[in-house]
PDB file of N, CA and C in Angstrom:
ATOM      1  N   UNK A   1      -7.206  15.546  -8.772  1.00  0.00           N
ATOM      2  CA  UNK A   1      -6.735  16.632  -8.183  1.00  0.00           C
ATOM      3  C   UNK A   1      -5.325  16.281  -7.570  1.00  0.00           C
ATOM      4  N   UNK A   2      -4.405  16.849  -8.147  1.00  0.00           N
ATOM      5  CA  UNK A   2      -3.006  16.816  -7.779  1.00  0.00           C
ATOM      6  C   UNK A   2      -2.381  15.328  -7.645  1.00  0.00           C
ATOM      7  N   UNK A   3      -3.015  14.325  -8.321  1.00  0.00           N
ATOM      8  CA  UNK A   3      -2.289  12.933  -8.030  1.00  0.00           C
ATOM      9  C   UNK A   3      -1.318  12.924  -8.925  1.00  0.00           C
ATOM     10  N   UNK A   4      -0.533  11.706  -8.611  1.00  0.00           N
ATOM     11  CA  UNK A   4       0.427  11.224  -9.371  1.00  0.00           C
ATOM     12  C   UNK A   4       0.833   9.720  -9.318  1.00  0.00           C
ATOM     13  N   UNK A   5       1.698   9.236 -10.092  1.00  0.00           N
ATOM     14  CA  UNK A   5       1.682   7.836  -9.927  1.00  0.00           C
ATOM     15  C   UNK A   5       2.815   7.274  -8.764  1.00  0.00           C
ATOM     16  N   UNK A   6       2.450   6.336  -8.240  1.00  0.00           N
ATOM     17  CA  UNK A   6       3.409   6.079  -7.021  1.00  0.00           C
ATOM     18  C   UNK A   6       4.889   5.671  -7.746  1.00  0.00           C
ATOM     19  N   UNK A   7       5.823   5.671  -6.904  1.00  0.00           N
ATOM     20  CA  UNK A   7       7.218   5.182  -7.395  1.00  0.00           C
ATOM     21  C   UNK A   7       8.032   4.654  -6.106  1.00  0.00           C
ATOM     22  N   UNK A   8       8.979   3.744  -6.393  1.00  0.00           N
ATOM     23  CA  UNK A   8       9.721   3.376  -5.435  1.00  0.00           C
ATOM     24  C   UNK A   8      10.738   4.327  -4.768  1.00  0.00           C
ATOM     25  N   UNK A   9      10.759   4.453  -3.441  1.00  0.00           N
ATOM     26  CA  UNK A   9      11.632   5.258  -2.807  1.00  0.00           C
ATOM     27  C   UNK A   9      12.681   4.146  -2.140  1.00  0.00           C
ATOM     28  N   UNK A  10      14.039   4.310  -2.413  1.00  0.00           N
ATOM     29  CA  UNK A  10      14.906   3.314  -2.039  1.00  0.00           C
ATOM     30  C   UNK A  10      15.881   3.917  -0.898  1.00  0.00           C
ATOM     31  N   UNK A  11      15.874   3.243   0.152  1.00  0.00           N
ATOM     32  CA  UNK A  11      16.876   3.794   1.168  1.00  0.00           C
ATOM     33  C   UNK A  11      18.351   3.245   0.873  1.00  0.00           C
ATOM     34  N   UNK A  12      19.133   3.735   1.495  1.00  0.00           N
ATOM     35  CA  UNK A  12      20.613   3.321   1.188  1.00  0.00           C
ATOM     36  C   UNK A  12      20.893   1.843   1.777  1.00  0.00           C
ATOM     37  N   UNK A  13      21.797   1.232   1.337  1.00  0.00           N
ATOM     38  CA  UNK A  13      22.324  -0.049   1.713  1.00  0.00           C
ATOM     39  C   UNK A  13      22.794   0.108   3.098  1.00  0.00           C
ATOM     40  N   UNK A  14      22.526  -0.642   3.965  1.00  0.00           N
ATOM     41  CA  UNK A  14      23.168  -0.906   5.336  1.00  0.00           C
ATOM     42  C   UNK A  14      23.761  -2.195   5.665  1.00  0.00           C
ATOM     43  N   UNK A  15      25.131  -2.156   5.876  1.00  0.00           N
ATOM     44  CA  UNK A  15      25.805  -3.412   6.274  1.00  0.00           C
ATOM     45  C   UNK A  15      25.617  -3.714   7.793  1.00  0.00           C
ATOM     46  N   UNK A  16      25.103  -4.804   8.011  1.00  0.00           N
ATOM     47  CA  UNK A  16      24.925  -5.491   9.402  1.00  0.00           C
ATOM     48  C   UNK A  16      24.177  -4.309  10.250  1.00  0.00           C
ATOM     49  N   UNK A  17      23.017  -3.805   9.932  1.00  0.00           N
ATOM     50  CA  UNK A  17      22.444  -2.762  10.591  1.00  0.00           C
ATOM     51  C   UNK A  17      22.097  -3.346  12.263  1.00  0.00           C
ATOM     52  N   UNK A  18      22.290  -2.305  13.016  1.00  0.00           N
ATOM     53  CA  UNK A  18      21.856  -2.468  14.662  1.00  0.00           C
ATOM     54  C   UNK A  18      20.303  -2.449  14.540  1.00  0.00           C
ATOM     55  N   UNK A  19      19.875  -3.214  15.563  1.00  0.00           N
ATOM     56  CA  UNK A  19      18.535  -3.130  16.020  1.00  0.00           C
ATOM     57  C   UNK A  19      18.060  -1.777  15.962  1.00  0.00           C
ATOM     58  N   UNK A  20      16.994  -1.400  15.277  1.00  0.00           N
ATOM     59  CA  UNK A  20      16.606   0.012  15.464  1.00  0.00           C
ATOM     60  C   UNK A  20      16.775   0.971  14.267  1.00  0.00           C
ATOM     61  N   UNK A  21      17.935   0.284  13.344  1.00  0.00           N
ATOM     62  CA  UNK A  21      18.184   1.139  12.425  1.00  0.00           C
ATOM     63  C   UNK A  21      17.132   1.353  11.277  1.00  0.00           C
ATOM     64  N   UNK A  22      17.104   2.735  11.012  1.00  0.00           N
ATOM     65  CA  UNK A  22      16.193   3.358  10.009  1.00  0.00           C
ATOM     66  C   UNK A  22      16.898   2.964   8.565  1.00  0.00           C
ATOM     67  N   UNK A  23      16.024   2.054   7.655  1.00  0.00           N
ATOM     68  CA  UNK A  23      16.565   1.543   6.456  1.00  0.00           C
ATOM     69  C   UNK A  23      16.030   2.609   5.417  1.00  0.00           C
ATOM     70  N   UNK A  24      14.989   3.334   5.466  1.00  0.00           N
ATOM     71  CA  UNK A  24      14.312   3.934   4.576  1.00  0.00           C
ATOM     72  C   UNK A  24      13.470   4.965   5.362  1.00  0.00           C
ATOM     73  N   UNK A  25      13.305   6.251   5.011  1.00  0.00           N
ATOM     74  CA  UNK A  25      12.529   7.268   5.584  1.00  0.00           C
ATOM     75  C   UNK A  25      11.866   8.233   4.255  1.00  0.00           C
ATOM     76  N   UNK A  26      10.394   8.431   4.516  1.00  0.00           N
ATOM     77  CA  UNK A  26       9.976   9.473   3.813  1.00  0.00           C
ATOM     78  C   UNK A  26       8.953  10.500   4.553  1.00  0.00           C
ATOM     79  N   UNK A  27       9.512  11.595   4.357  1.00  0.00           N
ATOM     80  CA  UNK A  27       8.946  12.768   5.125  1.00  0.00           C
ATOM     81  C   UNK A  27       7.655  13.127   4.250  1.00  0.00           C
ATOM     82  N   UNK A  28       6.408  13.234   4.568  1.00  0.00           N
ATOM     83  CA  UNK A  28       5.253  13.822   3.957  1.00  0.00           C
ATOM     84  C   UNK A  28       5.393  15.160   3.798  1.00  0.00           C
ATOM     85  N   UNK A  29       5.088  15.603   2.706  1.00  0.00           N
ATOM     86  CA  UNK A  29       5.170  17.138   2.244  1.00  0.00           C
ATOM     87  C   UNK A  29       4.041  17.869   2.909  1.00  0.00           C
ATOM     88  N   UNK A  30       4.209  18.833   3.582  1.00  0.00           N
ATOM     89  CA  UNK A  30       3.105  19.659   4.220  1.00  0.00           C
ATOM     90  C   UNK A  30       2.108  20.013   3.276  1.00  0.00           C
ATOM     91  N   UNK A  31       0.964  19.950   3.603  1.00  0.00           N
ATOM     92  CA  UNK A  31      -0.308  20.205   2.812  1.00  0.00           C
ATOM     93  C   UNK A  31      -0.617  19.231   1.697  1.00  0.00           C
ATOM     94  N   UNK A  32      -0.105  18.035   2.051  1.00  0.00           N
ATOM     95  CA  UNK A  32      -0.469  16.799   1.061  1.00  0.00           C
ATOM     96  C   UNK A  32      -0.629  15.758   1.775  1.00  0.00           C
ATOM     97  N   UNK A  33      -1.195  14.657   1.394  1.00  0.00           N
ATOM     98  CA  UNK A  33      -1.559  13.260   1.789  1.00  0.00           C
ATOM     99  C   UNK A  33      -0.438  12.313   1.410  1.00  0.00           C
ATOM    100  N   UNK A  34       0.153  11.591   2.165  1.00  0.00           N
ATOM    101  CA  UNK A  34       1.302  10.687   1.701  1.00  0.00           C
ATOM    102  C   UNK A  34       0.561   9.322   1.877  1.00  0.00           C
ATOM    103  N   UNK A  35       0.974   8.532   0.755  1.00  0.00           N
ATOM    104  CA  UNK A  35       0.261   7.211   0.768  1.00  0.00           C
ATOM    105  C   UNK A  35       1.395   5.933   0.464  1.00  0.00           C
ATOM    106  N   UNK A  36       1.397   4.983   1.273  1.00  0.00           N
ATOM    107  CA  UNK A  36       2.174   3.978   0.977  1.00  0.00           C
ATOM    108  C   UNK A  36       1.290   2.807   0.539  1.00  0.00           C
ATOM    109  N   UNK A  37       1.795   2.379  -0.723  1.00  0.00           N
ATOM    110  CA  UNK A  37       1.140   1.057  -1.299  1.00  0.00           C
ATOM    111  C   UNK A  37       1.829   0.007  -1.456  1.00  0.00           C
ATOM    112  N   UNK A  38       3.194   0.018  -1.109  1.00  0.00           N
ATOM    113  CA  UNK A  38       4.064  -0.909  -1.184  1.00  0.00           C
ATOM    114  C   UNK A  38       5.390  -0.936  -0.194  1.00  0.00           C
ATOM    115  N   UNK A  39       5.711  -1.926   0.273  1.00  0.00           N
ATOM    116  CA  UNK A  39       7.058  -2.118   1.034  1.00  0.00           C
ATOM    117  C   UNK A  39       7.946  -3.117   0.551  1.00  0.00           C
ATOM    118  N   UNK A  40       9.112  -3.164   0.398  1.00  0.00           N
ATOM    119  CA  UNK A  40       9.991  -4.055   0.013  1.00  0.00           C
ATOM    120  C   UNK A  40      11.533  -3.951   1.025  1.00  0.00           C
ATOM    121  N   UNK A  41      11.791  -5.312   1.559  1.00  0.00           N
ATOM    122  CA  UNK A  41      12.956  -5.418   1.815  1.00  0.00           C
ATOM    123  C   UNK A  41      13.927  -6.411   1.129  1.00  0.00           C
ATOM    124  N   UNK A  42      15.077  -5.905   1.030  1.00  0.00           N
ATOM    125  CA  UNK A  42      16.040  -6.746   0.330  1.00  0.00           C
ATOM    126  C   UNK A  42      17.201  -6.974   1.367  1.00  0.00           C
ATOM    127  N   UNK A  43      17.397  -8.188   1.677  1.00  0.00           N
ATOM    128  CA  UNK A  43      18.310  -8.693   2.710  1.00  0.00           C
ATOM    129  C   UNK A  43      19.169  -9.885   2.341  1.00  0.00           C
ATOM    130  N   UNK A  44      20.322  -9.830   2.764  1.00  0.00           N
ATOM    131  CA  UNK A  44      21.022 -11.197   2.907  1.00  0.00           C
ATOM    132  C   UNK A  44      21.030 -12.262   3.986  1.00  0.00           C
ATOM    133  N   UNK A  45      19.960 -11.836   4.798  1.00  0.00           N
ATOM    134  CA  UNK A  45      19.706 -12.598   6.044  1.00  0.00           C
ATOM    135  C   UNK A  45      18.976 -13.953   5.562  1.00  0.00           C
ATOM    136  N   UNK A  46      19.372 -14.972   6.161  1.00  0.00           N
ATOM    137  CA  UNK A  46      18.648 -16.276   5.912  1.00  0.00           C
ATOM    138  C   UNK A  46      17.125 -16.059   6.686  1.00  0.00           C
ATOM    139  N   UNK A  47      16.185 -16.809   5.955  1.00  0.00           N
ATOM    140  CA  UNK A  47      14.918 -16.786   6.814  1.00  0.00           C
ATOM    141  C   UNK A  47      14.907 -17.355   8.071  1.00  0.00           C
ATOM    142  N   UNK A  48      14.739 -16.849   9.269  1.00  0.00           N
ATOM    143  CA  UNK A  48      14.986 -17.673  10.497  1.00  0.00           C
ATOM    144  C   UNK A  48      14.190 -16.788  11.568  1.00  0.00           C
ATOM    145  N   UNK A  49      13.596 -17.543  12.479  1.00  0.00           N
ATOM    146  CA  UNK A  49      12.758 -16.907  13.396  1.00  0.00           C
ATOM    147  C   UNK A  49      13.563 -15.869  14.180  1.00  0.00           C
ATOM    148  N   UNK A  50      13.037 -14.716  14.600  1.00  0.00           N
ATOM    149  CA  UNK A  50      13.364 -13.801  15.236  1.00  0.00           C
ATOM    150  C   UNK A  50      14.193 -12.592  14.377  1.00  0.00           C
ATOM    151  N   UNK A  51      14.134 -12.794  12.949  1.00  0.00           N
ATOM    152  CA  UNK A  51      14.751 -11.680  12.140  1.00  0.00           C
ATOM    153  C   UNK A  51      13.628 -10.866  11.608  1.00  0.00           C
ATOM    154  N   UNK A  52      13.552  -9.649  11.551  1.00  0.00           N
ATOM    155  CA  UNK A  52      12.380  -8.909  11.102  1.00  0.00           C
ATOM    156  C   UNK A  52      12.508  -7.471  10.877  1.00  0.00           C
ATOM    157  N   UNK A  53      11.629  -6.772  10.292  1.00  0.00           N
ATOM    158  CA  UNK A  53      11.579  -5.601   9.939  1.00  0.00           C
ATOM    159  C   UNK A  53      10.401  -5.015  10.271  1.00  0.00           C
ATOM    160  N   UNK A  54      10.295  -3.556  10.838  1.00  0.00           N
ATOM    161  CA  UNK A  54       9.056  -2.911  11.047  1.00  0.00           C
ATOM    162  C   UNK A  54       8.778  -1.799  10.108  1.00  0.00           C
ATOM    163  N   UNK A  55       7.511  -1.735   9.725  1.00  0.00           N
ATOM    164  CA  UNK A  55       6.986  -0.588   9.104  1.00  0.00           C
ATOM    165  C   UNK A  55       6.108   0.216   9.843  1.00  0.00           C
ATOM    166  N   UNK A  56       6.480   1.492   9.799  1.00  0.00           N
ATOM    167  CA  UNK A  56       5.841   2.256  10.787  1.00  0.00           C
ATOM    168  C   UNK A  56       5.584   3.793  10.346  1.00  0.00           C
ATOM    169  N   UNK A  57       5.011   4.753  11.264  1.00  0.00           N
ATOM    170  CA  UNK A  57       5.004   5.974  10.852  1.00  0.00           C
ATOM    171  C   UNK A  57       5.262   6.790  12.193  1.00  0.00           C
ATOM    172  N   UNK A  58       5.860   7.789  12.010  1.00  0.00           N
ATOM    173  CA  UNK A  58       6.241   8.788  13.302  1.00  0.00           C
ATOM    174  C   UNK A  58       5.051   9.954  13.000  1.00  0.00           C
ATOM    175  N   UNK A  59       4.288   9.984  14.075  1.00  0.00           N
ATOM    176  CA  UNK A  59       3.273  10.985  13.996  1.00  0.00           C
ATOM    177  C   UNK A  59       3.335  11.894  15.287  1.00  0.00           C
ATOM    178  N   UNK A  60       3.825  13.206  15.115  1.00  0.00           N
ATOM    179  CA  UNK A  60       3.972  14.042  16.308  1.00  0.00           C
ATOM    180  C   UNK A  60       4.856  13.601  17.359  1.00  0.00           C
ATOM    181  N   UNK A  61       5.934  12.785  16.980  1.00  0.00           N
ATOM    182  CA  UNK A  61       6.703  12.192  17.944  1.00  0.00           C
ATOM    183  C   UNK A  61       6.334  10.934  18.397  1.00  0.00           C
ATOM    184  N   UNK A  62       5.342  10.138  18.025  1.00  0.00           N
ATOM    185  CA  UNK A  62       4.991   8.723  18.459  1.00  0.00           C
ATOM    186  C   UNK A  62       4.972   7.985  17.290  1.00  0.00           C
ATOM    187  N   UNK A  63       5.633   6.782  17.528  1.00  0.00           N
ATOM    188  CA  UNK A  63       5.751   5.702  16.504  1.00  0.00           C
ATOM    189  C   UNK A  63       4.578   4.876  16.343  1.00  0.00           C
ATOM    190  N   UNK A  64       3.801   4.746  15.289  1.00  0.00           N
ATOM    191  CA  UNK A  64       2.716   3.973  15.181  1.00  0.00           C
ATOM    192  C   UNK A  64       2.941   2.817  14.137  1.00  0.00           C
ATOM    193  N   UNK A  65       2.956   1.530  14.511  1.00  0.00           N
ATOM    194  CA  UNK A  65       3.620   0.357  13.723  1.00  0.00           C
ATOM    195  C   UNK A  65       2.385   0.178  12.867  1.00  0.00           C
ATOM    196  N   UNK A  66       2.747  -0.070  11.543  1.00  0.00           N
ATOM    197  CA  UNK A  66       1.661  -0.615  10.275  1.00  0.00           C
ATOM    198  C   UNK A  66       1.640  -2.082  10.555  1.00  0.00           C
ATOM    199  N   UNK A  67       2.790  -2.511  10.340  1.00  0.00           N
ATOM    200  CA  UNK A  67       2.990  -3.990  10.277  1.00  0.00           C
ATOM    201  C   UNK A  67       4.623  -4.587  10.367  1.00  0.00           C
ATOM    202  N   UNK A  68       4.603  -5.682  10.741  1.00  0.00           N
ATOM    203  CA  UNK A  68       5.965  -6.217  10.787  1.00  0.00           C
ATOM    204  C   UNK A  68       6.071  -7.395   9.596  1.00  0.00           C
ATOM    205  N   UNK A  69       7.432  -7.467   9.122  1.00  0.00           N
ATOM    206  CA  UNK A  69       7.752  -8.431   8.171  1.00  0.00           C
ATOM    207  C   UNK A  69       8.766  -9.191   8.786  1.00  0.00           C
ATOM    208  N   UNK A  70       8.707 -10.656   8.601  1.00  0.00           N
ATOM    209  CA  UNK A  70       9.669 -11.577   9.205  1.00  0.00           C
ATOM    210  C   UNK A  70      10.093 -12.501   8.283  1.00  0.00           C
ATOM    211  N   UNK A  71      10.060 -12.125   7.087  1.00  0.00           N
ATOM    212  CA  UNK A  71      10.773 -13.010   5.933  1.00  0.00           C
ATOM    213  C   UNK A  71      11.595 -12.267   5.194  1.00  0.00           C
ATOM    214  N   UNK A  72      12.695 -12.807   4.663  1.00  0.00           N
ATOM    215  CA  UNK A  72      13.625 -12.166   3.806  1.00  0.00           C
ATOM    216  C   UNK A  72      13.354 -11.850   2.502  1.00  0.00           C
ATOM    217  N   UNK A  73      13.569 -10.787   1.933  1.00  0.00           N
ATOM    218  CA  UNK A  73      13.216 -10.280   0.517  1.00  0.00           C
ATOM    219  C   UNK A  73      11.629 -10.294   0.117  1.00  0.00           C
ATOM    220  N   UNK A  74      10.849  -9.832   1.113  1.00  0.00           N
ATOM    221  CA  UNK A  74       9.254  -9.699   0.864  1.00  0.00           C
ATOM    222  C   UNK A  74       9.118  -8.478   0.072  1.00  0.00           C
ATOM    223  N   UNK A  75       8.104  -8.551  -0.797  1.00  0.00           N
ATOM    224  CA  UNK A  75       7.594  -7.360  -1.229  1.00  0.00           C
ATOM    225  C   UNK A  75       6.061  -7.370  -1.066  1.00  0.00           C
ATOM    226  N   UNK A  76       5.468  -6.268  -0.254  1.00  0.00           N
ATOM    227  CA  UNK A  76       4.086  -5.933   0.015  1.00  0.00           C
ATOM    228  C   UNK A  76       3.606  -5.164  -0.946  1.00  0.00           C
ATOM    229  N   UNK A  77       2.715  -5.381  -1.741  1.00  0.00           N
ATOM    230  CA  UNK A  77       2.010  -4.484  -2.681  1.00  0.00           C
ATOM    231  C   UNK A  77       0.649  -4.494  -2.974  1.00  0.00           C
ATOM    232  N   UNK A  78      -0.092  -3.233  -2.652  1.00  0.00           N
ATOM    233  CA  UNK A  78      -1.489  -3.317  -2.850  1.00  0.00           C
ATOM    234  C   UNK A  78      -1.978  -2.158  -3.945  1.00  0.00           C
ATOM    235  N   UNK A  79      -3.358  -2.598  -4.355  1.00  0.00           N
ATOM    236  CA  UNK A  79      -3.784  -1.600  -5.328  1.00  0.00           C
ATOM    237  C   UNK A  79      -4.411  -0.521  -4.515  1.00  0.00           C
ATOM    238  N   UNK A  80      -4.427  -0.523  -3.281  1.00  0.00           N
ATOM    239  CA  UNK A  80      -4.882   0.827  -2.270  1.00  0.00           C
ATOM    240  C   UNK A  80      -3.902   0.916  -1.327  1.00  0.00           C
ATOM    241  N   UNK A  81      -3.739   1.895  -0.895  1.00  0.00           N
ATOM    242  CA  UNK A  81      -2.548   2.509   0.141  1.00  0.00           C
ATOM    243  C   UNK A  81      -3.068   1.711   1.496  1.00  0.00           C
ATOM    244  N   UNK A  82      -2.005   1.012   1.919  1.00  0.00           N
ATOM    245  CA  UNK A  82      -2.383   0.638   3.187  1.00  0.00           C
ATOM    246  C   UNK A  82      -1.787   1.261   4.523  1.00  0.00           C
ATOM    247  N   UNK A  83      -1.221   2.369   4.083  1.00  0.00           N
ATOM    248  CA  UNK A  83      -0.881   3.407   5.013  1.00  0.00           C
ATOM    249  C   UNK A  83      -0.882   4.894   4.577  1.00  0.00           C
ATOM    250  N   UNK A  84      -1.711   5.829   5.050  1.00  0.00           N
ATOM    251  CA  UNK A  84      -1.793   7.123   4.582  1.00  0.00           C
ATOM    252  C   UNK A  84      -1.615   8.085   6.019  1.00  0.00           C
ATOM    253  N   UNK A  85      -1.014   9.285   5.503  1.00  0.00           N
ATOM    254  CA  UNK A  85      -0.596  10.247   6.642  1.00  0.00           C
ATOM    255  C   UNK A  85      -0.748  11.535   6.001  1.00  0.00           C
ATOM    256  N   UNK A  86      -1.423  12.523   6.800  1.00  0.00           N
ATOM    257  CA  UNK A  86      -1.637  13.951   6.286  1.00  0.00           C
ATOM    258  C   UNK A  86      -0.359  14.816   6.763  1.00  0.00           C
ATOM    259  N   UNK A  87       0.354  15.166   5.642  1.00  0.00           N
ATOM    260  CA  UNK A  87       1.568  15.774   5.917  1.00  0.00           C
ATOM    261  C   UNK A  87       1.798  17.229   6.519  1.00  0.00           C
ATOM    262  N   UNK A  88       2.772  17.266   7.381  1.00  0.00           N
ATOM    263  CA  UNK A  88       2.944  18.651   8.035  1.00  0.00           C
ATOM    264  C   UNK A  88       4.438  18.992   7.811  1.00  0.00           C
ATOM    265  N   UNK A  89       5.201  18.347   6.997  1.00  0.00           N
ATOM    266  CA  UNK A  89       6.615  18.639   6.808  1.00  0.00           C
ATOM    267  C   UNK A  89       7.600  18.071   7.826  1.00  0.00           C
ATOM    268  N   UNK A  90       7.027  17.072   8.972  1.00  0.00           N
ATOM    269  CA  UNK A  90       7.808  16.701   9.988  1.00  0.00           C
ATOM    270  C   UNK A  90       7.599  15.198  10.170  1.00  0.00           C
ATOM    271  N   UNK A  91       6.162  14.742  10.090  1.00  0.00           N
ATOM    272  CA  UNK A  91       6.056  13.439  10.212  1.00  0.00           C
ATOM    273  C   UNK A  91       6.342  12.600   8.884  1.00  0.00           C
ATOM    274  N   UNK A  92       6.625  11.258   9.134  1.00  0.00           N
ATOM    275  CA  UNK A  92       7.134  10.464   8.380  1.00  0.00           C
ATOM    276  C   UNK A  92       6.898   9.079   8.271  1.00  0.00           C
ATOM    277  N   UNK A  93       6.870   8.219   7.269  1.00  0.00           N
ATOM    278  CA  UNK A  93       6.893   6.850   7.242  1.00  0.00           C
ATOM    279  C   UNK A  93       8.327   6.311   7.374  1.00  0.00           C
ATOM    280  N   UNK A  94       8.590   5.026   7.866  1.00  0.00           N
ATOM    281  CA  UNK A  94       9.878   4.551   7.980  1.00  0.00           C
ATOM    282  C   UNK A  94       9.914   2.807   8.051  1.00  0.00           C
ATOM    283  N   UNK A  95      11.000   2.394   7.550  1.00  0.00           N
ATOM    284  CA  UNK A  95      11.180   0.943   7.846  1.00  0.00           C
ATOM    285  C   UNK A  95      12.564   0.969   8.658  1.00  0.00           C
ATOM    286  N   UNK A  96      12.534   0.183   9.786  1.00  0.00           N
ATOM    287  CA  UNK A  96      13.679  -0.193  10.817  1.00  0.00           C
ATOM    288  C   UNK A  96      13.817  -1.434  10.794  1.00  0.00           C
ATOM    289  N   UNK A  97      14.951  -1.892  11.191  1.00  0.00           N
ATOM    290  CA  UNK A  97      15.368  -3.407  11.586  1.00  0.00           C
ATOM    291  C   UNK A  97      14.878  -3.722  12.972  1.00  0.00           C
ATOM    292  N   UNK A  98      14.048  -4.602  13.071  1.00  0.00           N
ATOM    293  CA  UNK A  98      13.403  -4.900  14.472  1.00  0.00           C
ATOM    294  C   UNK A  98      14.705  -5.561  15.478  1.00  0.00           C
ATOM    295  N   UNK A  99      15.539  -6.222  14.893  1.00  0.00           N
ATOM    296  CA  UNK A  99      16.560  -6.841  15.549  1.00  0.00           C
ATOM    297  C   UNK A  99      17.958  -6.599  14.813  1.00  0.00           C
ATOM    298  N   UNK A 100      19.138  -6.807  15.330  1.00  0.00           N
ATOM    299  CA  UNK A 100      20.448  -6.559  14.686  1.00  0.00           C
ATOM    300  C   UNK A 100      20.525  -7.432  13.433  1.00  0.00           C
ATOM    301  N   UNK A 101      21.163  -6.990  12.364  1.00  0.00           N
ATOM    302  CA  UNK A 101      21.438  -7.720  11.185  1.00  0.00           C
ATOM    303  C   UNK A 101      22.671  -8.664  11.532  1.00  0.00           C
ATOM    304  N   UNK A 102      22.696  -9.706  10.885  1.00  0.00           N
ATOM    305  CA  UNK A 102      23.915 -10.730  11.118  1.00  0.00           C
ATOM    306  C   UNK A 102      25.096  -9.936  10.374  1.00  0.00           C
ATOM    307  N   UNK A 103      26.276 -10.143  10.995  1.00  0.00           N
ATOM    308  CA  UNK A 103      27.433  -9.656  10.348  1.00  0.00           C
ATOM    309  C   UNK A 103      27.720 -10.195   8.895  1.00  0.00           C
ATOM    310  N   UNK A 104      28.169  -9.326   8.300  1.00  0.00           N
ATOM    311  CA  UNK A 104      28.490  -9.557   6.792  1.00  0.00           C
ATOM    312  C   UNK A 104      27.212  -9.414   5.855  1.00  0.00           C
ATOM    313  N   UNK A 105      26.198  -9.151   6.578  1.00  0.00           N
ATOM    314  CA  UNK A 105      24.694  -9.115   5.650  1.00  0.00           C
ATOM    315  C   UNK A 105      24.591  -7.583   5.353  1.00  0.00           C
ATOM    316  N   UNK A 106      23.961  -7.308   3.999  1.00  0.00           N
ATOM    317  CA  UNK A 106      23.507  -6.210   3.713  1.00  0.00           C
ATOM    318  C   UNK A 106      21.997  -5.998   3.594  1.00  0.00           C
ATOM    319  N   UNK A 107      21.305  -5.028   3.979  1.00  0.00           N
ATOM    320  CA  UNK A 107      20.145  -4.927   3.895  1.00  0.00           C
ATOM    321  C   UNK A 107      19.622  -3.444   3.225  1.00  0.00           C
ATOM    322  N   UNK A 108      18.553  -3.496   2.561  1.00  0.00           N
ATOM    323  CA  UNK A 108      18.027  -2.350   1.837  1.00  0.00           C
ATOM    324  C   UNK A 108      16.585  -2.336   1.959  1.00  0.00           C
ATOM    325  N   UNK A 109      15.698  -1.225   2.132  1.00  0.00           N
ATOM    326  CA  UNK A 109      14.334  -1.331   2.358  1.00  0.00           C
ATOM    327  C   UNK A 109      13.777  -0.128   1.253  1.00  0.00           C
ATOM    328  N   UNK A 110      12.575  -0.104   0.720  1.00  0.00           N
ATOM    329  CA  UNK A 110      11.940   0.649  -0.337  1.00  0.00           C
ATOM    330  C   UNK A 110      10.626   0.723   0.148  1.00  0.00           C
ATOM    331  N   UNK A 111       9.982   1.812  -0.140  1.00  0.00           N
ATOM    332  CA  UNK A 111       8.480   2.249  -0.024  1.00  0.00           C
ATOM    333  C   UNK A 111       7.990   2.556  -1.556  1.00  0.00           C
ATOM    334  N   UNK A 112       6.768   1.951  -1.826  1.00  0.00           N
ATOM    335  CA  UNK A 112       6.093   2.399  -3.069  1.00  0.00           C
ATOM    336  C   UNK A 112       5.294   3.634  -2.461  1.00  0.00           C
ATOM    337  N   UNK A 113       5.385   4.669  -3.055  1.00  0.00           N
ATOM    338  CA  UNK A 113       5.200   6.107  -2.303  1.00  0.00           C
ATOM    339  C   UNK A 113       4.385   6.931  -3.256  1.00  0.00           C
ATOM    340  N   UNK A 114       3.478   7.562  -2.949  1.00  0.00           N
ATOM    341  CA  UNK A 114       2.707   8.705  -3.524  1.00  0.00           C
ATOM    342  C   UNK A 114       2.186   9.702  -2.779  1.00  0.00           C
ATOM    343  N   UNK A 115       1.827  10.963  -3.316  1.00  0.00           N
ATOM    344  CA  UNK A 115       1.225  12.006  -2.544  1.00  0.00           C
ATOM    345  C   UNK A 115       0.317  12.822  -3.272  1.00  0.00           C
ATOM    346  N   UNK A 116      -0.729  13.257  -2.790  1.00  0.00           N
ATOM    347  CA  UNK A 116      -1.748  14.111  -3.379  1.00  0.00           C
ATOM    348  C   UNK A 116      -2.021  15.244  -2.703  1.00  0.00           C
ATOM    349  N   UNK A 117      -2.544  16.193  -3.196  1.00  0.00           N
ATOM    350  CA  UNK A 117      -2.911  17.521  -2.719  1.00  0.00           C
ATOM    351  C   UNK A 117      -4.169  17.043  -1.620  1.00  0.00           C
ATOM    352  N   UNK A 118      -4.043  17.870  -0.694  1.00  0.00           N
ATOM    353  CA  UNK A 118      -5.316  17.643   0.220  1.00  0.00           C
ATOM    354  C   UNK A 118      -6.363  18.467  -0.124  1.00  0.00           C
ATOM    355  N   UNK A 119      -7.575  17.728  -0.306  1.00  0.00           N
ATOM    356  CA  UNK A 119      -8.777  18.364  -0.834  1.00  0.00           C
ATOM    357  C   UNK A 119      -9.366  19.642   0.051  1.00  0.00           C
ATOM    358  N   UNK A 120     -10.066  20.526  -0.416  1.00  0.00           N
ATOM    359  CA  UNK A 120     -10.476  21.746   0.580  1.00  0.00           C
ATOM    360  C   UNK A 120     -11.216  21.008   1.659  1.00  0.00           C
ATOM    361  N   UNK A 121     -11.908  20.208   1.569  1.00  0.00           N
ATOM    362  CA  UNK A 121     -12.702  19.602   2.699  1.00  0.00           C
ATOM    363  C   UNK A 121     -11.805  19.173   3.731  1.00  0.00           C
ATOM    364  N   UNK A 122     -10.667  18.573   3.333  1.00  0.00           N
ATOM    365  CA  UNK A 122      -9.837  17.690   4.433  1.00  0.00           C
ATOM    366  C   UNK A 122      -8.711  18.742   4.845  1.00  0.00           C
ATOM    367  N   UNK A 123      -8.686  20.028   4.477  1.00  0.00           N
ATOM    368  CA  UNK A 123      -7.713  20.879   5.131  1.00  0.00           C
ATOM    369  C   UNK A 123      -7.710  21.258   6.441  1.00  0.00           C
ATOM    370  N   UNK A 124      -8.987  21.163   7.138  1.00  0.00           N
ATOM    371  CA  UNK A 124      -9.043  21.628   8.407  1.00  0.00           C
ATOM    372  C   UNK A 124      -9.586  20.302   9.189  1.00  0.00           C
ATOM    373  N   UNK A 125      -8.903  20.076  10.486  1.00  0.00           N
ATOM    374  CA  UNK A 125      -9.192  18.962  11.239  1.00  0.00           C
ATOM    375  C   UNK A 125     -10.846  19.334  11.852  1.00  0.00           C
ATOM    376  N   UNK A 126     -11.380  18.494  12.116  1.00  0.00           N
ATOM    377  CA  UNK A 126     -12.890  18.558  12.611  1.00  0.00           C
ATOM    378  C   UNK A 126     -12.848  18.216  14.074  1.00  0.00           C
TER     379      UNK A 126
END
């Protein structure tokens, strides 16, 4: 029912992003379920303690952390969604820099993302 294949949503390249810089954002369409089944960070950073990226959702103005990545160029892919969100047209998934990027480095983040229609049984909160 309303299913599609996941595809990679790529954020723009960011040069030496400040801490908290949003590298990719996906707003879940109202009336649909958004599903993240993969996350990828591409960075010129050297693997080092303290460097990291945060995968989270913003739900009604509150950040909910799914997980942190602390290695350069990881890809986390699952056969099943590891983060889902009921869409209202405002809430979103994002990846942000946990700390400032080193001068001269470029960072880019991506989500493996899919949406599906909300079934009639799921349309109303109980």
